[in-house]
């Protein structure tokens, strides 16, 4: 069984949870139901947008990471209820999210998620 170390940050007004480098969300449903109501921000991996992403190093099927499309489907109810702000980080260089004008980036924003940008600040 893999162990994942979570990073939580707490300021005087807000809380952040960083869930780094996991293989899949399959075993996280119960944990998410408990963790999310206590957080204001979630920083989540966006190495690959979907199974269609390509990389010089590997294909998404060869590097287990949750795809942004699947992550959005899982977290959509929490985002829709305004329970948490989900911010995607760690985009693979070929991930279409690195282009703020891409249709994928616009879809992420339309669904209420965010893509981290250099210099982005979060209020705590």
PDB file of N, CA and C in Angstrom:
ATOM      1  N   UNK A   1       0.837  -1.179   0.000  1.00  0.00           N
ATOM      2  CA  UNK A   1       0.000   0.000   0.000  1.00  0.00           C
ATOM      3  C   UNK A   1       0.881   1.242   0.000  1.00  0.00           C
ATOM      4  N   UNK A   2       0.590   2.189  -0.864  1.00  0.00           N
ATOM      5  CA  UNK A   2       1.339   3.436  -0.926  1.00  0.00           C
ATOM      6  C   UNK A   2       0.885   4.382   0.171  1.00  0.00           C
ATOM      7  N   UNK A   3       1.835   5.114   0.711  1.00  0.00           N
ATOM      8  CA  UNK A   3       1.524   6.121   1.707  1.00  0.00           C
ATOM      9  C   UNK A   3       1.696   7.477   1.070  1.00  0.00           C
ATOM     10  N   UNK A   4       0.721   8.340   1.275  1.00  0.00           N
ATOM     11  CA  UNK A   4       0.776   9.692   0.748  1.00  0.00           C
ATOM     12  C   UNK A   4       0.822  10.652   1.925  1.00  0.00           C
ATOM     13  N   UNK A   5       1.794  11.534   1.912  1.00  0.00           N
ATOM     14  CA  UNK A   5       1.869  12.551   2.952  1.00  0.00           C
ATOM     15  C   UNK A   5       1.130  13.782   2.461  1.00  0.00           C
ATOM     16  N   UNK A   6       0.159  14.189   3.231  1.00  0.00           N
ATOM     17  CA  UNK A   6      -0.626  15.363   2.896  1.00  0.00           C
ATOM     18  C   UNK A   6      -0.001  16.575   3.555  1.00  0.00           C
ATOM     19  N   UNK A   7      -0.084  17.692   2.872  1.00  0.00           N
ATOM     20  CA  UNK A   7       0.414  18.932   3.441  1.00  0.00           C
ATOM     21  C   UNK A   7      -0.771  19.835   3.698  1.00  0.00           C
ATOM     22  N   UNK A   8      -0.956  20.201   4.930  1.00  0.00           N
ATOM     23  CA  UNK A   8      -2.026  21.113   5.287  1.00  0.00           C
ATOM     24  C   UNK A   8      -1.443  22.407   5.826  1.00  0.00           C
ATOM     25  N   UNK A   9      -2.007  23.510   5.407  1.00  0.00           N
ATOM     26  CA  UNK A   9      -1.592  24.819   5.895  1.00  0.00           C
ATOM     27  C   UNK A   9      -2.813  25.525   6.459  1.00  0.00           C
ATOM     28  N   UNK A  10      -2.616  26.194   7.570  1.00  0.00           N
ATOM     29  CA  UNK A  10      -3.732  26.889   8.191  1.00  0.00           C
ATOM     30  C   UNK A  10      -3.312  28.302   8.557  1.00  0.00           C
ATOM     31  N   UNK A  11      -4.072  29.257   8.095  1.00  0.00           N
ATOM     32  CA  UNK A  11      -3.867  30.651   8.459  1.00  0.00           C
ATOM     33  C   UNK A  11      -4.945  31.069   9.438  1.00  0.00           C
ATOM     34  N   UNK A  12      -5.014  32.339   9.767  1.00  0.00           N
ATOM     35  CA  UNK A  12      -6.023  32.786  10.719  1.00  0.00           C
ATOM     36  C   UNK A  12      -7.452  32.665  10.184  1.00  0.00           C
ATOM     37  N   UNK A  13      -7.618  32.637   8.847  1.00  0.00           N
ATOM     38  CA  UNK A  13      -8.973  32.593   8.282  1.00  0.00           C
ATOM     39  C   UNK A  13      -9.229  31.430   7.339  1.00  0.00           C
ATOM     40  N   UNK A  14      -8.201  30.857   6.761  1.00  0.00           N
ATOM     41  CA  UNK A  14      -8.389  29.838   5.716  1.00  0.00           C
ATOM     42  C   UNK A  14      -7.468  28.643   5.929  1.00  0.00           C
ATOM     43  N   UNK A  15      -7.882  27.501   5.351  1.00  0.00           N
ATOM     44  CA  UNK A  15      -7.092  26.274   5.408  1.00  0.00           C
ATOM     45  C   UNK A  15      -6.886  25.733   4.002  1.00  0.00           C
ATOM     46  N   UNK A  16      -5.696  25.166   3.777  1.00  0.00           N
ATOM     47  CA  UNK A  16      -5.324  24.622   2.480  1.00  0.00           C
ATOM     48  C   UNK A  16      -4.850  23.190   2.654  1.00  0.00           C
ATOM     49  N   UNK A  17      -5.208  22.344   1.702  1.00  0.00           N
ATOM     50  CA  UNK A  17      -4.728  20.970   1.687  1.00  0.00           C
ATOM     51  C   UNK A  17      -4.101  20.686   0.336  1.00  0.00           C
ATOM     52  N   UNK A  18      -2.863  20.193   0.359  1.00  0.00           N
ATOM     53  CA  UNK A  18      -2.144  19.810  -0.837  1.00  0.00           C
ATOM     54  C   UNK A  18      -2.064  18.300  -0.852  1.00  0.00           C
ATOM     55  N   UNK A  19      -2.618  17.685  -1.892  1.00  0.00           N
ATOM     56  CA  UNK A  19      -2.574  16.228  -2.036  1.00  0.00           C
ATOM     57  C   UNK A  19      -1.647  15.927  -3.207  1.00  0.00           C
ATOM     58  N   UNK A  20      -0.398  15.605  -2.919  1.00  0.00           N
ATOM     59  CA  UNK A  20       0.592  15.439  -3.986  1.00  0.00           C
ATOM     60  C   UNK A  20       0.660  14.024  -4.544  1.00  0.00           C
ATOM     61  N   UNK A  21       0.962  13.965  -5.795  1.00  0.00           N
ATOM     62  CA  UNK A  21       1.472  12.765  -6.450  1.00  0.00           C
ATOM     63  C   UNK A  21       0.798  11.452  -6.054  1.00  0.00           C
ATOM     64  N   UNK A  22      -0.486  11.361  -6.282  1.00  0.00           N
ATOM     65  CA  UNK A  22      -1.159  10.086  -6.041  1.00  0.00           C
ATOM     66  C   UNK A  22      -1.389   9.390  -7.379  1.00  0.00           C
ATOM     67  N   UNK A  23      -1.647   8.104  -7.326  1.00  0.00           N
ATOM     68  CA  UNK A  23      -1.845   7.323  -8.540  1.00  0.00           C
ATOM     69  C   UNK A  23      -3.283   7.408  -9.050  1.00  0.00           C
ATOM     70  N   UNK A  24      -4.235   7.378  -8.141  1.00  0.00           N
ATOM     71  CA  UNK A  24      -5.645   7.328  -8.511  1.00  0.00           C
ATOM     72  C   UNK A  24      -6.496   7.832  -7.345  1.00  0.00           C
ATOM     73  N   UNK A  25      -7.700   8.259  -7.642  1.00  0.00           N
ATOM     74  CA  UNK A  25      -8.640   8.678  -6.596  1.00  0.00           C
ATOM     75  C   UNK A  25      -9.479   7.511  -6.099  1.00  0.00           C
ATOM     76  N   UNK A  26      -9.303   6.334  -6.639  1.00  0.00           N
ATOM     77  CA  UNK A  26     -10.189   5.199  -6.344  1.00  0.00           C
ATOM     78  C   UNK A  26     -10.371   4.914  -4.857  1.00  0.00           C
ATOM     79  N   UNK A  27      -9.340   5.060  -4.069  1.00  0.00           N
ATOM     80  CA  UNK A  27      -9.438   4.724  -2.645  1.00  0.00           C
ATOM     81  C   UNK A  27      -9.637   5.938  -1.747  1.00  0.00           C
ATOM     82  N   UNK A  28      -9.982   7.080  -2.327  1.00  0.00           N
ATOM     83  CA  UNK A  28     -10.035   8.321  -1.561  1.00  0.00           C
ATOM     84  C   UNK A  28     -11.436   8.801  -1.209  1.00  0.00           C
ATOM     85  N   UNK A  29     -12.501   8.183  -1.704  1.00  0.00           N
ATOM     86  CA  UNK A  29     -13.847   8.731  -1.535  1.00  0.00           C
ATOM     87  C   UNK A  29     -14.179   9.016  -0.077  1.00  0.00           C
ATOM     88  N   UNK A  30     -13.997   8.054   0.808  1.00  0.00           N
ATOM     89  CA  UNK A  30     -14.319   8.265   2.222  1.00  0.00           C
ATOM     90  C   UNK A  30     -13.463   9.367   2.833  1.00  0.00           C
ATOM     91  N   UNK A  31     -12.173   9.381   2.496  1.00  0.00           N
ATOM     92  CA  UNK A  31     -11.289  10.415   3.027  1.00  0.00           C
ATOM     93  C   UNK A  31     -11.703  11.800   2.551  1.00  0.00           C
ATOM     94  N   UNK A  32     -12.096  11.925   1.294  1.00  0.00           N
ATOM     95  CA  UNK A  32     -12.495  13.221   0.754  1.00  0.00           C
ATOM     96  C   UNK A  32     -13.733  13.751   1.452  1.00  0.00           C
ATOM     97  N   UNK A  33     -14.680  12.885   1.708  1.00  0.00           N
ATOM     98  CA  UNK A  33     -15.902  13.303   2.392  1.00  0.00           C
ATOM     99  C   UNK A  33     -15.591  13.881   3.776  1.00  0.00           C
ATOM    100  N   UNK A  34     -14.533  13.393   4.400  1.00  0.00           N
ATOM    101  CA  UNK A  34     -14.137  13.885   5.725  1.00  0.00           C
ATOM    102  C   UNK A  34     -13.243  15.113   5.641  1.00  0.00           C
ATOM    103  N   UNK A  35     -12.339  15.148   4.664  1.00  0.00           N
ATOM    104  CA  UNK A  35     -11.347  16.219   4.579  1.00  0.00           C
ATOM    105  C   UNK A  35     -11.885  17.523   4.005  1.00  0.00           C
ATOM    106  N   UNK A  36     -12.656  17.438   2.952  1.00  0.00           N
ATOM    107  CA  UNK A  36     -13.043  18.636   2.208  1.00  0.00           C
ATOM    108  C   UNK A  36     -13.833  19.643   3.027  1.00  0.00           C
ATOM    109  N   UNK A  37     -14.804  19.237   3.833  1.00  0.00           N
ATOM    110  CA  UNK A  37     -15.552  20.261   4.576  1.00  0.00           C
ATOM    111  C   UNK A  37     -14.681  21.097   5.524  1.00  0.00           C
ATOM    112  N   UNK A  38     -13.496  20.638   5.834  1.00  0.00           N
ATOM    113  CA  UNK A  38     -12.604  21.361   6.737  1.00  0.00           C
ATOM    114  C   UNK A  38     -11.596  22.235   6.010  1.00  0.00           C
ATOM    115  N   UNK A  39     -11.644  22.271   4.673  1.00  0.00           N
ATOM    116  CA  UNK A  39     -10.653  23.001   3.889  1.00  0.00           C
ATOM    117  C   UNK A  39     -11.307  24.116   3.072  1.00  0.00           C
ATOM    118  N   UNK A  40     -10.510  25.136   2.782  1.00  0.00           N
ATOM    119  CA  UNK A  40     -10.951  26.208   1.899  1.00  0.00           C
ATOM    120  C   UNK A  40     -10.354  26.038   0.505  1.00  0.00           C
ATOM    121  N   UNK A  41      -9.110  25.549   0.456  1.00  0.00           N
ATOM    122  CA  UNK A  41      -8.411  25.364  -0.813  1.00  0.00           C
ATOM    123  C   UNK A  41      -7.888  23.932  -0.904  1.00  0.00           C
ATOM    124  N   UNK A  42      -7.952  23.367  -2.099  1.00  0.00           N
ATOM    125  CA  UNK A  42      -7.285  22.109  -2.397  1.00  0.00           C
ATOM    126  C   UNK A  42      -6.339  22.352  -3.560  1.00  0.00           C
ATOM    127  N   UNK A  43      -5.082  21.994  -3.391  1.00  0.00           N
ATOM    128  CA  UNK A  43      -4.113  22.041  -4.476  1.00  0.00           C
ATOM    129  C   UNK A  43      -3.949  20.611  -4.974  1.00  0.00           C
ATOM    130  N   UNK A  44      -4.308  20.386  -6.235  1.00  0.00           N
ATOM    131  CA  UNK A  44      -4.326  19.030  -6.770  1.00  0.00           C
ATOM    132  C   UNK A  44      -3.483  18.915  -8.033  1.00  0.00           C
ATOM    133  N   UNK A  45      -2.921  17.752  -8.216  1.00  0.00           N
ATOM    134  CA  UNK A  45      -2.041  17.473  -9.337  1.00  0.00           C
ATOM    135  C   UNK A  45      -2.776  17.545 -10.671  1.00  0.00           C
ATOM    136  N   UNK A  46      -2.143  18.201 -11.630  1.00  0.00           N
ATOM    137  CA  UNK A  46      -2.695  18.294 -12.986  1.00  0.00           C
ATOM    138  C   UNK A  46      -1.635  17.896 -14.013  1.00  0.00           C
ATOM    139  N   UNK A  47      -0.856  16.873 -13.689  1.00  0.00           N
ATOM    140  CA  UNK A  47       0.194  16.444 -14.604  1.00  0.00           C
ATOM    141  C   UNK A  47      -0.364  16.214 -16.001  1.00  0.00           C
ATOM    142  N   UNK A  48      -1.473  15.499 -16.078  1.00  0.00           N
ATOM    143  CA  UNK A  48      -2.105  15.212 -17.362  1.00  0.00           C
ATOM    144  C   UNK A  48      -3.553  15.694 -17.344  1.00  0.00           C
ATOM    145  N   UNK A  49      -3.976  16.310 -18.431  1.00  0.00           N
ATOM    146  CA  UNK A  49      -5.368  16.738 -18.528  1.00  0.00           C
ATOM    147  C   UNK A  49      -6.282  15.546 -18.777  1.00  0.00           C
ATOM    148  N   UNK A  50      -5.883  14.687 -19.707  1.00  0.00           N
ATOM    149  CA  UNK A  50      -6.688  13.516 -20.050  1.00  0.00           C
ATOM    150  C   UNK A  50      -5.768  12.421 -20.582  1.00  0.00           C
ATOM    151  N   UNK A  51      -6.358  11.328 -20.970  1.00  0.00           N
ATOM    152  CA  UNK A  51      -5.571  10.225 -21.539  1.00  0.00           C
ATOM    153  C   UNK A  51      -4.924  10.607 -22.861  1.00  0.00           C
ATOM    154  N   UNK A  52      -5.355  11.715 -23.450  1.00  0.00           N
ATOM    155  CA  UNK A  52      -4.817  12.136 -24.749  1.00  0.00           C
ATOM    156  C   UNK A  52      -3.508  12.908 -24.639  1.00  0.00           C
ATOM    157  N   UNK A  53      -3.145  13.359 -23.425  1.00  0.00           N
ATOM    158  CA  UNK A  53      -1.902  14.115 -23.268  1.00  0.00           C
ATOM    159  C   UNK A  53      -0.706  13.247 -23.628  1.00  0.00           C
ATOM    160  N   UNK A  54       0.314  13.885 -24.142  1.00  0.00           N
ATOM    161  CA  UNK A  54       1.544  13.167 -24.453  1.00  0.00           C
ATOM    162  C   UNK A  54       2.710  13.890 -23.804  1.00  0.00           C
ATOM    163  N   UNK A  55       3.762  13.174 -23.610  1.00  0.00           N
ATOM    164  CA  UNK A  55       4.953  13.735 -22.995  1.00  0.00           C
ATOM    165  C   UNK A  55       6.169  13.099 -23.644  1.00  0.00           C
ATOM    166  N   UNK A  56       7.268  13.792 -23.600  1.00  0.00           N
ATOM    167  CA  UNK A  56       8.514  13.231 -24.110  1.00  0.00           C
ATOM    168  C   UNK A  56       8.904  12.005 -23.283  1.00  0.00           C
ATOM    169  N   UNK A  57       8.601  12.042 -22.008  1.00  0.00           N
ATOM    170  CA  UNK A  57       9.015  10.971 -21.108  1.00  0.00           C
ATOM    171  C   UNK A  57       8.076   9.771 -21.166  1.00  0.00           C
ATOM    172  N   UNK A  58       6.774  10.026 -21.110  1.00  0.00           N
ATOM    173  CA  UNK A  58       5.839   8.907 -21.015  1.00  0.00           C
ATOM    174  C   UNK A  58       4.443   9.338 -21.428  1.00  0.00           C
ATOM    175  N   UNK A  59       3.613   8.342 -21.672  1.00  0.00           N
ATOM    176  CA  UNK A  59       2.196   8.567 -21.935  1.00  0.00           C
ATOM    177  C   UNK A  59       1.455   8.515 -20.603  1.00  0.00           C
ATOM    178  N   UNK A  60       0.288   9.150 -20.527  1.00  0.00           N
ATOM    179  CA  UNK A  60      -0.464   9.137 -19.269  1.00  0.00           C
ATOM    180  C   UNK A  60      -0.744   7.742 -18.737  1.00  0.00           C
ATOM    181  N   UNK A  61      -0.949   6.773 -19.625  1.00  0.00           N
ATOM    182  CA  UNK A  61      -1.222   5.415 -19.168  1.00  0.00           C
ATOM    183  C   UNK A  61      -0.006   4.771 -18.504  1.00  0.00           C
ATOM    184  N   UNK A  62       1.200   5.308 -18.764  1.00  0.00           N
ATOM    185  CA  UNK A  62       2.429   4.751 -18.197  1.00  0.00           C
ATOM    186  C   UNK A  62       2.824   5.413 -16.880  1.00  0.00           C
ATOM    187  N   UNK A  63       2.250   6.562 -16.598  1.00  0.00           N
ATOM    188  CA  UNK A  63       2.565   7.295 -15.371  1.00  0.00           C
ATOM    189  C   UNK A  63       1.270   7.486 -14.602  1.00  0.00           C
ATOM    190  N   UNK A  64       1.055   6.715 -13.568  1.00  0.00           N
ATOM    191  CA  UNK A  64      -0.228   6.815 -12.876  1.00  0.00           C
ATOM    192  C   UNK A  64      -0.379   8.142 -12.123  1.00  0.00           C
ATOM    193  N   UNK A  65      -1.271   8.954 -12.600  1.00  0.00           N
ATOM    194  CA  UNK A  65      -1.677  10.208 -11.975  1.00  0.00           C
ATOM    195  C   UNK A  65      -3.151  10.384 -12.309  1.00  0.00           C
ATOM    196  N   UNK A  66      -3.945  10.925 -11.399  1.00  0.00           N
ATOM    197  CA  UNK A  66      -5.336  11.205 -11.771  1.00  0.00           C
ATOM    198  C   UNK A  66      -5.362  12.254 -12.884  1.00  0.00           C
ATOM    199  N   UNK A  67      -6.169  12.037 -13.867  1.00  0.00           N
ATOM    200  CA  UNK A  67      -6.307  13.010 -14.948  1.00  0.00           C
ATOM    201  C   UNK A  67      -7.231  14.136 -14.491  1.00  0.00           C
ATOM    202  N   UNK A  68      -6.992  15.345 -14.965  1.00  0.00           N
ATOM    203  CA  UNK A  68      -7.796  16.500 -14.585  1.00  0.00           C
ATOM    204  C   UNK A  68      -9.270  16.244 -14.870  1.00  0.00           C
ATOM    205  N   UNK A  69      -9.566  15.630 -16.000  1.00  0.00           N
ATOM    206  CA  UNK A  69     -10.963  15.374 -16.342  1.00  0.00           C
ATOM    207  C   UNK A  69     -11.644  14.501 -15.289  1.00  0.00           C
ATOM    208  N   UNK A  70     -10.963  13.480 -14.824  1.00  0.00           N
ATOM    209  CA  UNK A  70     -11.528  12.596 -13.793  1.00  0.00           C
ATOM    210  C   UNK A  70     -11.601  13.314 -12.445  1.00  0.00           C
ATOM    211  N   UNK A  71     -10.583  14.106 -12.139  1.00  0.00           N
ATOM    212  CA  UNK A  71     -10.576  14.852 -10.877  1.00  0.00           C
ATOM    213  C   UNK A  71     -11.741  15.832 -10.828  1.00  0.00           C
ATOM    214  N   UNK A  72     -11.995  16.528 -11.934  1.00  0.00           N
ATOM    215  CA  UNK A  72     -13.126  17.460 -11.952  1.00  0.00           C
ATOM    216  C   UNK A  72     -14.438  16.730 -11.737  1.00  0.00           C
ATOM    217  N   UNK A  73     -14.599  15.577 -12.370  1.00  0.00           N
ATOM    218  CA  UNK A  73     -15.834  14.810 -12.181  1.00  0.00           C
ATOM    219  C   UNK A  73     -16.023  14.437 -10.712  1.00  0.00           C
ATOM    220  N   UNK A  74     -14.945  14.037 -10.046  1.00  0.00           N
ATOM    221  CA  UNK A  74     -15.021  13.631  -8.645  1.00  0.00           C
ATOM    222  C   UNK A  74     -15.310  14.810  -7.710  1.00  0.00           C
ATOM    223  N   UNK A  75     -14.666  15.933  -7.949  1.00  0.00           N
ATOM    224  CA  UNK A  75     -14.775  17.075  -7.044  1.00  0.00           C
ATOM    225  C   UNK A  75     -15.895  18.051  -7.411  1.00  0.00           C
ATOM    226  N   UNK A  76     -16.553  17.838  -8.548  1.00  0.00           N
ATOM    227  CA  UNK A  76     -17.577  18.776  -9.004  1.00  0.00           C
ATOM    228  C   UNK A  76     -18.654  19.059  -7.959  1.00  0.00           C
ATOM    229  N   UNK A  77     -19.185  18.055  -7.264  1.00  0.00           N
ATOM    230  CA  UNK A  77     -20.218  18.369  -6.262  1.00  0.00           C
ATOM    231  C   UNK A  77     -19.723  19.309  -5.159  1.00  0.00           C
ATOM    232  N   UNK A  78     -18.489  19.136  -4.721  1.00  0.00           N
ATOM    233  CA  UNK A  78     -17.932  19.999  -3.674  1.00  0.00           C
ATOM    234  C   UNK A  78     -17.770  21.428  -4.176  1.00  0.00           C
ATOM    235  N   UNK A  79     -17.302  21.558  -5.417  1.00  0.00           N
ATOM    236  CA  UNK A  79     -17.112  22.876  -6.026  1.00  0.00           C
ATOM    237  C   UNK A  79     -18.470  23.544  -6.248  1.00  0.00           C
ATOM    238  N   UNK A  80     -19.435  22.779  -6.762  1.00  0.00           N
ATOM    239  CA  UNK A  80     -20.768  23.329  -7.023  1.00  0.00           C
ATOM    240  C   UNK A  80     -21.442  23.831  -5.748  1.00  0.00           C
ATOM    241  N   UNK A  81     -21.193  23.148  -4.639  1.00  0.00           N
ATOM    242  CA  UNK A  81     -21.784  23.568  -3.356  1.00  0.00           C
ATOM    243  C   UNK A  81     -20.973  24.680  -2.688  1.00  0.00           C
ATOM    244  N   UNK A  82     -19.850  25.071  -3.301  1.00  0.00           N
ATOM    245  CA  UNK A  82     -19.017  26.134  -2.739  1.00  0.00           C
ATOM    246  C   UNK A  82     -18.269  25.718  -1.491  1.00  0.00           C
ATOM    247  N   UNK A  83     -18.064  24.420  -1.317  1.00  0.00           N
ATOM    248  CA  UNK A  83     -17.398  23.915  -0.119  1.00  0.00           C
ATOM    249  C   UNK A  83     -15.893  24.111  -0.155  1.00  0.00           C
ATOM    250  N   UNK A  84     -15.315  24.168  -1.359  1.00  0.00           N
ATOM    251  CA  UNK A  84     -13.869  24.236  -1.475  1.00  0.00           C
ATOM    252  C   UNK A  84     -13.492  24.837  -2.827  1.00  0.00           C
ATOM    253  N   UNK A  85     -12.335  25.485  -2.861  1.00  0.00           N
ATOM    254  CA  UNK A  85     -11.787  26.009  -4.109  1.00  0.00           C
ATOM    255  C   UNK A  85     -10.686  25.052  -4.547  1.00  0.00           C
ATOM    256  N   UNK A  86     -10.855  24.452  -5.711  1.00  0.00           N
ATOM    257  CA  UNK A  86      -9.882  23.495  -6.231  1.00  0.00           C
ATOM    258  C   UNK A  86      -8.984  24.201  -7.242  1.00  0.00           C
ATOM    259  N   UNK A  87      -7.681  24.089  -6.993  1.00  0.00           N
ATOM    260  CA  UNK A  87      -6.685  24.725  -7.846  1.00  0.00           C
ATOM    261  C   UNK A  87      -5.742  23.647  -8.370  1.00  0.00           C
ATOM    262  N   UNK A  88      -5.662  23.550  -9.688  1.00  0.00           N
ATOM    263  CA  UNK A  88      -4.784  22.562 -10.300  1.00  0.00           C
ATOM    264  C   UNK A  88      -3.371  23.114 -10.419  1.00  0.00           C
ATOM    265  N   UNK A  89      -2.406  22.279 -10.009  1.00  0.00           N
ATOM    266  CA  UNK A  89      -0.993  22.650 -10.059  1.00  0.00           C
ATOM    267  C   UNK A  89      -0.212  21.537 -10.747  1.00  0.00           C
ATOM    268  N   UNK A  90       1.055  21.778 -11.022  1.00  0.00           N
ATOM    269  CA  UNK A  90       1.978  20.767 -11.534  1.00  0.00           C
ATOM    270  C   UNK A  90       1.539  20.227 -12.881  1.00  0.00           C
ATOM    271  N   UNK A  91       1.264  21.118 -13.811  1.00  0.00           N
ATOM    272  CA  UNK A  91       0.854  20.711 -15.162  1.00  0.00           C
ATOM    273  C   UNK A  91       2.066  20.241 -15.962  1.00  0.00           C
ATOM    274  N   UNK A  92       1.938  19.100 -16.581  1.00  0.00           N
ATOM    275  CA  UNK A  92       2.932  18.610 -17.524  1.00  0.00           C
ATOM    276  C   UNK A  92       3.091  19.659 -18.622  1.00  0.00           C
ATOM    277  N   UNK A  93       4.286  19.819 -19.164  1.00  0.00           N
ATOM    278  CA  UNK A  93       4.525  20.871 -20.157  1.00  0.00           C
ATOM    279  C   UNK A  93       3.667  20.732 -21.411  1.00  0.00           C
ATOM    280  N   UNK A  94       3.172  19.536 -21.703  1.00  0.00           N
ATOM    281  CA  UNK A  94       2.286  19.339 -22.856  1.00  0.00           C
ATOM    282  C   UNK A  94       0.809  19.413 -22.474  1.00  0.00           C
ATOM    283  N   UNK A  95       0.519  19.626 -21.217  1.00  0.00           N
ATOM    284  CA  UNK A  95      -0.861  19.713 -20.753  1.00  0.00           C
ATOM    285  C   UNK A  95      -1.482  20.983 -21.345  1.00  0.00           C
ATOM    286  N   UNK A  96      -2.648  20.886 -21.968  1.00  0.00           N
ATOM    287  CA  UNK A  96      -3.264  22.080 -22.556  1.00  0.00           C
ATOM    288  C   UNK A  96      -3.631  23.149 -21.527  1.00  0.00           C
ATOM    289  N   UNK A  97      -3.647  22.813 -20.259  1.00  0.00           N
ATOM    290  CA  UNK A  97      -3.971  23.813 -19.238  1.00  0.00           C
ATOM    291  C   UNK A  97      -2.905  24.897 -19.108  1.00  0.00           C
ATOM    292  N   UNK A  98      -1.697  24.628 -19.596  1.00  0.00           N
ATOM    293  CA  UNK A  98      -0.656  25.658 -19.505  1.00  0.00           C
ATOM    294  C   UNK A  98      -0.951  26.844 -20.415  1.00  0.00           C
ATOM    295  N   UNK A  99      -1.846  26.660 -21.362  1.00  0.00           N
ATOM    296  CA  UNK A  99      -2.272  27.761 -22.241  1.00  0.00           C
ATOM    297  C   UNK A  99      -3.590  28.321 -21.713  1.00  0.00           C
ATOM    298  N   UNK A 100      -3.577  29.539 -21.159  1.00  0.00           N
ATOM    299  CA  UNK A 100      -4.805  30.100 -20.595  1.00  0.00           C
ATOM    300  C   UNK A 100      -5.921  30.299 -21.610  1.00  0.00           C
ATOM    301  N   UNK A 101      -5.584  30.266 -22.890  1.00  0.00           N
ATOM    302  CA  UNK A 101      -6.594  30.446 -23.937  1.00  0.00           C
ATOM    303  C   UNK A 101      -7.085  29.125 -24.531  1.00  0.00           C
ATOM    304  N   UNK A 102      -6.571  28.014 -24.031  1.00  0.00           N
ATOM    305  CA  UNK A 102      -6.992  26.721 -24.587  1.00  0.00           C
ATOM    306  C   UNK A 102      -8.435  26.414 -24.189  1.00  0.00           C
ATOM    307  N   UNK A 103      -9.084  25.599 -24.997  1.00  0.00           N
ATOM    308  CA  UNK A 103     -10.463  25.214 -24.684  1.00  0.00           C
ATOM    309  C   UNK A 103     -10.514  24.404 -23.381  1.00  0.00           C
ATOM    310  N   UNK A 104      -9.465  23.651 -23.092  1.00  0.00           N
ATOM    311  CA  UNK A 104      -9.418  22.864 -21.860  1.00  0.00           C
ATOM    312  C   UNK A 104      -9.335  23.774 -20.638  1.00  0.00           C
ATOM    313  N   UNK A 105      -8.502  24.799 -20.704  1.00  0.00           N
ATOM    314  CA  UNK A 105      -8.382  25.744 -19.593  1.00  0.00           C
ATOM    315  C   UNK A 105      -9.713  26.458 -19.388  1.00  0.00           C
ATOM    316  N   UNK A 106     -10.345  26.858 -20.464  1.00  0.00           N
ATOM    317  CA  UNK A 106     -11.645  27.534 -20.365  1.00  0.00           C
ATOM    318  C   UNK A 106     -12.711  26.605 -19.777  1.00  0.00           C
ATOM    319  N   UNK A 107     -12.638  25.311 -20.110  1.00  0.00           N
ATOM    320  CA  UNK A 107     -13.578  24.335 -19.555  1.00  0.00           C
ATOM    321  C   UNK A 107     -13.371  24.172 -18.054  1.00  0.00           C
ATOM    322  N   UNK A 108     -12.124  24.116 -17.621  1.00  0.00           N
ATOM    323  CA  UNK A 108     -11.823  24.020 -16.193  1.00  0.00           C
ATOM    324  C   UNK A 108     -12.442  25.217 -15.456  1.00  0.00           C
ATOM    325  N   UNK A 109     -12.231  26.396 -15.992  1.00  0.00           N
ATOM    326  CA  UNK A 109     -12.778  27.602 -15.364  1.00  0.00           C
ATOM    327  C   UNK A 109     -14.306  27.622 -15.410  1.00  0.00           C
ATOM    328  N   UNK A 110     -14.881  27.207 -16.527  1.00  0.00           N
ATOM    329  CA  UNK A 110     -16.346  27.179 -16.658  1.00  0.00           C
ATOM    330  C   UNK A 110     -16.968  26.295 -15.582  1.00  0.00           C
ATOM    331  N   UNK A 111     -16.273  25.213 -15.246  1.00  0.00           N
ATOM    332  CA  UNK A 111     -16.792  24.285 -14.244  1.00  0.00           C
ATOM    333  C   UNK A 111     -16.513  24.734 -12.812  1.00  0.00           C
ATOM    334  N   UNK A 112     -15.836  25.881 -12.644  1.00  0.00           N
ATOM    335  CA  UNK A 112     -15.613  26.420 -11.308  1.00  0.00           C
ATOM    336  C   UNK A 112     -14.290  26.062 -10.678  1.00  0.00           C
ATOM    337  N   UNK A 113     -13.391  25.430 -11.436  1.00  0.00           N
ATOM    338  CA  UNK A 113     -12.063  25.080 -10.950  1.00  0.00           C
ATOM    339  C   UNK A 113     -11.083  26.155 -11.395  1.00  0.00           C
ATOM    340  N   UNK A 114      -9.869  26.114 -10.842  1.00  0.00           N
ATOM    341  CA  UNK A 114      -8.839  27.087 -11.221  1.00  0.00           C
ATOM    342  C   UNK A 114      -7.558  26.363 -11.605  1.00  0.00           C
ATOM    343  N   UNK A 115      -6.754  27.044 -12.398  1.00  0.00           N
ATOM    344  CA  UNK A 115      -5.422  26.560 -12.754  1.00  0.00           C
ATOM    345  C   UNK A 115      -4.439  27.557 -12.160  1.00  0.00           C
ATOM    346  N   UNK A 116      -3.499  27.061 -11.370  1.00  0.00           N
ATOM    347  CA  UNK A 116      -2.506  27.939 -10.748  1.00  0.00           C
ATOM    348  C   UNK A 116      -1.668  28.620 -11.823  1.00  0.00           C
ATOM    349  N   UNK A 117      -1.333  29.863 -11.564  1.00  0.00           N
ATOM    350  CA  UNK A 117      -0.440  30.596 -12.454  1.00  0.00           C
ATOM    351  C   UNK A 117       0.711  31.139 -11.619  1.00  0.00           C
ATOM    352  N   UNK A 118       1.812  31.390 -12.271  1.00  0.00           N
ATOM    353  CA  UNK A 118       2.980  31.904 -11.577  1.00  0.00           C
ATOM    354  C   UNK A 118       2.630  33.214 -10.873  1.00  0.00           C
ATOM    355  N   UNK A 119       2.999  33.315  -9.617  1.00  0.00           N
ATOM    356  CA  UNK A 119       2.734  34.515  -8.826  1.00  0.00           C
ATOM    357  C   UNK A 119       1.368  34.526  -8.167  1.00  0.00           C
ATOM    358  N   UNK A 120       0.579  33.493  -8.360  1.00  0.00           N
ATOM    359  CA  UNK A 120      -0.758  33.425  -7.749  1.00  0.00           C
ATOM    360  C   UNK A 120      -0.637  33.475  -6.237  1.00  0.00           C
ATOM    361  N   UNK A 121      -1.505  34.221  -5.609  1.00  0.00           N
ATOM    362  CA  UNK A 121      -1.512  34.329  -4.156  1.00  0.00           C
ATOM    363  C   UNK A 121      -2.864  33.866  -3.613  1.00  0.00           C
ATOM    364  N   UNK A 122      -2.815  33.197  -2.484  1.00  0.00           N
ATOM    365  CA  UNK A 122      -4.024  32.739  -1.805  1.00  0.00           C
ATOM    366  C   UNK A 122      -4.103  33.438  -0.452  1.00  0.00           C
ATOM    367  N   UNK A 123      -5.292  33.866  -0.104  1.00  0.00           N
ATOM    368  CA  UNK A 123      -5.492  34.553   1.179  1.00  0.00           C
ATOM    369  C   UNK A 123      -5.689  33.529   2.290  1.00  0.00           C
ATOM    370  N   UNK A 124      -4.939  33.701   3.355  1.00  0.00           N
ATOM    371  CA  UNK A 124      -5.083  32.839   4.519  1.00  0.00           C
ATOM    372  C   UNK A 124      -5.522  33.649   5.705  1.00  0.00           C
TER     373      UNK A 124
END
